[in-house]
Protein backbone atom coordinates (compact mmCIF):
# COMPACT_ATOMS: atom_id res chain seq x y z
CA MET A 1 -0.17 0.21 0.14
CA LYS A 2 2.80 2.69 1.23
CA LYS A 3 3.92 1.65 -2.26
CA SER A 4 1.50 2.44 -4.22
CA VAL A 5 0.41 6.20 -2.46
CA ILE A 6 4.56 6.40 -3.22
CA VAL A 7 4.37 5.47 -6.90
CA PHE A 8 1.29 7.98 -7.23
CA LEU A 9 2.28 10.86 -5.41
CA ALA A 10 6.13 10.26 -7.80
CA ALA A 11 3.22 10.60 -10.92
CA LEU A 12 1.46 13.18 -9.38
CA LEU A 13 4.05 15.60 -9.01
CA ALA A 14 5.20 14.39 -12.85
CA GLY A 15 2.45 15.85 -14.13
CA VAL A 16 2.11 18.55 -11.92
CA ALA A 17 5.89 19.57 -13.10
CA SER A 18 5.04 18.11 -16.70
CA HIS A 19 1.83 20.63 -16.86
CA ALA A 20 3.52 23.47 -15.69
CA LEU A 21 6.66 23.52 -17.84
CA TYR A 22 3.90 22.75 -20.84
CA LEU A 23 2.63 26.45 -19.84
CA GLY A 24 5.52 27.96 -19.46
CA TYR A 25 7.19 26.78 -22.62
CA ARG A 26 3.61 27.80 -24.35
CA SER A 27 3.29 31.52 -22.35
CA PRO A 28 5.34 33.78 -24.27
CA SER A 29 6.14 37.36 -21.56
CA ILE A 30 4.82 40.25 -22.30
CA ALA A 31 8.33 41.80 -22.89
CA GLU A 32 9.35 39.43 -25.06
CA HIS A 33 5.57 40.74 -27.44
CA GLU A 34 6.73 44.51 -26.01
CA ALA A 35 10.17 43.67 -27.47
CA VAL A 36 7.94 43.82 -31.06
CA PHE A 37 6.50 47.51 -30.42
CA GLU A 38 10.14 49.07 -29.18
CA ASP A 39 12.55 47.69 -31.82
CA LEU A 40 10.76 48.62 -35.42
CA ARG A 41 14.30 50.05 -36.89
CA TRP A 42 14.16 47.22 -38.83
CA LEU A 43 10.34 47.82 -40.47
CA ARG A 44 11.82 51.35 -41.93
CA ALA A 45 15.50 49.54 -43.01
CA GLU A 46 13.51 46.67 -44.70
CA PHE A 47 11.39 48.60 -46.31
CA ASP A 48 13.38 51.52 -46.51
CA LEU A 49 10.45 53.63 -45.26
CA GLU A 50 11.06 57.81 -45.41
CA ARG A 51 10.69 59.36 -41.73
CA GLU A 52 6.77 60.41 -42.64
CA GLN A 53 6.02 57.12 -43.00
CA PHE A 54 7.56 55.78 -39.95
CA GLU A 55 6.79 57.71 -37.79
CA ALA A 56 2.89 57.58 -38.94
CA ILE A 57 3.50 53.20 -38.30
CA SER A 58 5.86 53.90 -35.14
CA ALA A 59 1.53 55.11 -33.99
CA LEU A 60 0.10 52.75 -35.12
CA TYR A 61 2.34 50.55 -33.34
CA GLU A 62 1.43 52.25 -29.98
CA GLU A 63 -2.24 52.30 -30.83
CA TYR A 64 -2.60 48.46 -31.38
CA ARG A 65 -0.31 48.17 -28.16
CA PRO A 66 -2.42 48.05 -25.51
CA VAL A 67 -4.76 46.38 -27.49
CA CYS A 68 -2.37 42.91 -28.55
CA GLU A 69 -1.38 43.39 -24.90
CA GLU A 70 -5.20 42.77 -23.81
CA LEU A 71 -5.63 40.16 -26.20
CA CYS A 72 -2.66 38.65 -25.19
CA HIS A 73 -3.38 38.39 -21.25
CA ARG A 74 -7.47 37.23 -22.31
CA VAL A 75 -5.70 34.82 -24.00
CA MET A 76 -3.36 33.28 -21.47
CA ALA A 77 -5.94 33.46 -18.96
CA THR A 78 -8.79 31.30 -20.86
CA GLN A 79 -5.98 28.76 -22.19
CA GLU A 80 -4.74 28.03 -17.92
CA ARG A 81 -8.69 28.00 -17.87
CA LEU A 82 -9.28 25.28 -20.33
CA ASN A 83 -5.75 23.25 -19.83
CA HIS A 84 -7.36 22.90 -15.74
CA LEU A 85 -10.46 21.95 -16.83
CA LEU A 86 -8.68 19.36 -19.17
CA ALA A 87 -6.75 17.84 -16.46
CA ASP A 88 -9.74 17.56 -13.95
CA SER A 89 -12.32 15.83 -16.97
CA ASN A 90 -12.47 12.88 -18.71
CA GLU A 91 -15.30 13.95 -20.80
CA VAL A 92 -16.54 17.08 -22.69
CA THR A 93 -18.75 18.59 -19.85
CA PRO A 94 -20.73 21.71 -20.69
CA GLU A 95 -17.61 24.32 -18.68
CA LEU A 96 -15.10 22.56 -20.71
CA ARG A 97 -17.12 23.52 -24.55
CA ASN A 98 -17.66 27.01 -22.73
CA ALA A 99 -13.88 26.93 -21.69
CA LEU A 100 -13.23 25.79 -24.74
CA GLU A 101 -15.52 28.30 -27.10
CA ALA A 102 -13.48 31.46 -25.00
CA TYR A 103 -10.58 30.18 -25.95
CA SER A 104 -11.13 29.70 -29.47
CA GLN A 105 -13.14 33.42 -29.87
CA VAL A 106 -10.08 35.01 -27.34
CA LYS A 107 -8.39 33.70 -30.21
CA LEU A 108 -10.04 34.88 -33.24
CA GLU A 109 -10.63 38.51 -31.96
CA CYS A 110 -6.82 38.83 -31.71
CA HIS A 111 -6.02 37.34 -35.47
CA GLN A 112 -8.59 39.73 -36.17
CA ALA A 113 -7.27 42.59 -34.12
CA MET A 114 -3.48 41.63 -35.47
CA LEU A 115 -4.81 41.42 -39.67
CA GLU A 116 -6.62 44.61 -39.42
CA HIS A 117 -3.27 46.77 -37.81
CA ILE A 118 -0.78 45.12 -40.31
CA TYR A 119 -3.28 46.63 -43.47
CA GLN A 120 -3.99 49.62 -41.53
CA VAL A 121 0.24 50.01 -41.28
CA ALA A 122 0.78 48.45 -44.84
CA SER A 123 -2.00 51.64 -46.33
CA GLU A 124 1.37 53.76 -44.80
CA MET A 125 3.42 52.13 -47.47
CA ALA A 126 3.96 53.03 -50.96
CA PRO A 127 2.43 50.08 -53.10
CA ASP A 128 6.05 48.67 -53.81
CA GLN A 129 6.54 48.24 -50.27
CA ARG A 130 2.80 47.57 -49.16
CA GLU A 131 2.89 44.82 -51.95
CA ARG A 132 6.26 42.75 -50.00
CA TYR A 133 5.09 43.58 -46.82
CA LEU A 134 1.63 42.19 -46.60
CA GLU A 135 3.02 39.30 -48.56
CA ARG A 136 5.49 38.68 -45.19
CA ALA A 137 3.17 39.97 -42.78
CA LYS A 138 -0.27 37.37 -43.91
CA ILE A 139 1.53 34.72 -42.63
CA HIS A 140 1.88 35.86 -39.80
CA VAL A 141 -1.97 35.66 -39.50
CA THR A 142 -2.33 32.05 -40.10
CA MET A 143 0.86 30.77 -38.17
CA HIS A 144 0.62 33.34 -35.22
CA ASP A 145 -0.01 31.61 -31.96
CA PRO A 146 -0.63 34.73 -29.43
CA VAL A 147 0.67 32.70 -27.08
CA ARG A 148 3.80 30.99 -28.22
């Protein structure tokens, strides 16, 4: 009996540790997201932006930053709730279904906001810059996971 309890506790501890590592891997720090907004010099160099274009695009990024951060927090919170429910469930319950829908909805909102931002940034560019930027940026809408 004592050996069974020890094995159970070891398995439980391993599960908790694995879950914590998974969340740590999947959840970026806000600082990582902020780094994208703080250094737009690459954008200016890559697309050979004029000063006025760069200033307008920088303002768009500053406007988008709080939207992105708020959505990121919501995605992480709904993901955490979903993960807890998944860990405690052996079937699809109404609560689990609602958590999954909430998680999917906030990820949808995040992708929509990102796409709107991409188009706003592109609107500040000359046609040749815009075409290259959109080709590069649109890929992130389908590849981007807000919590990675």
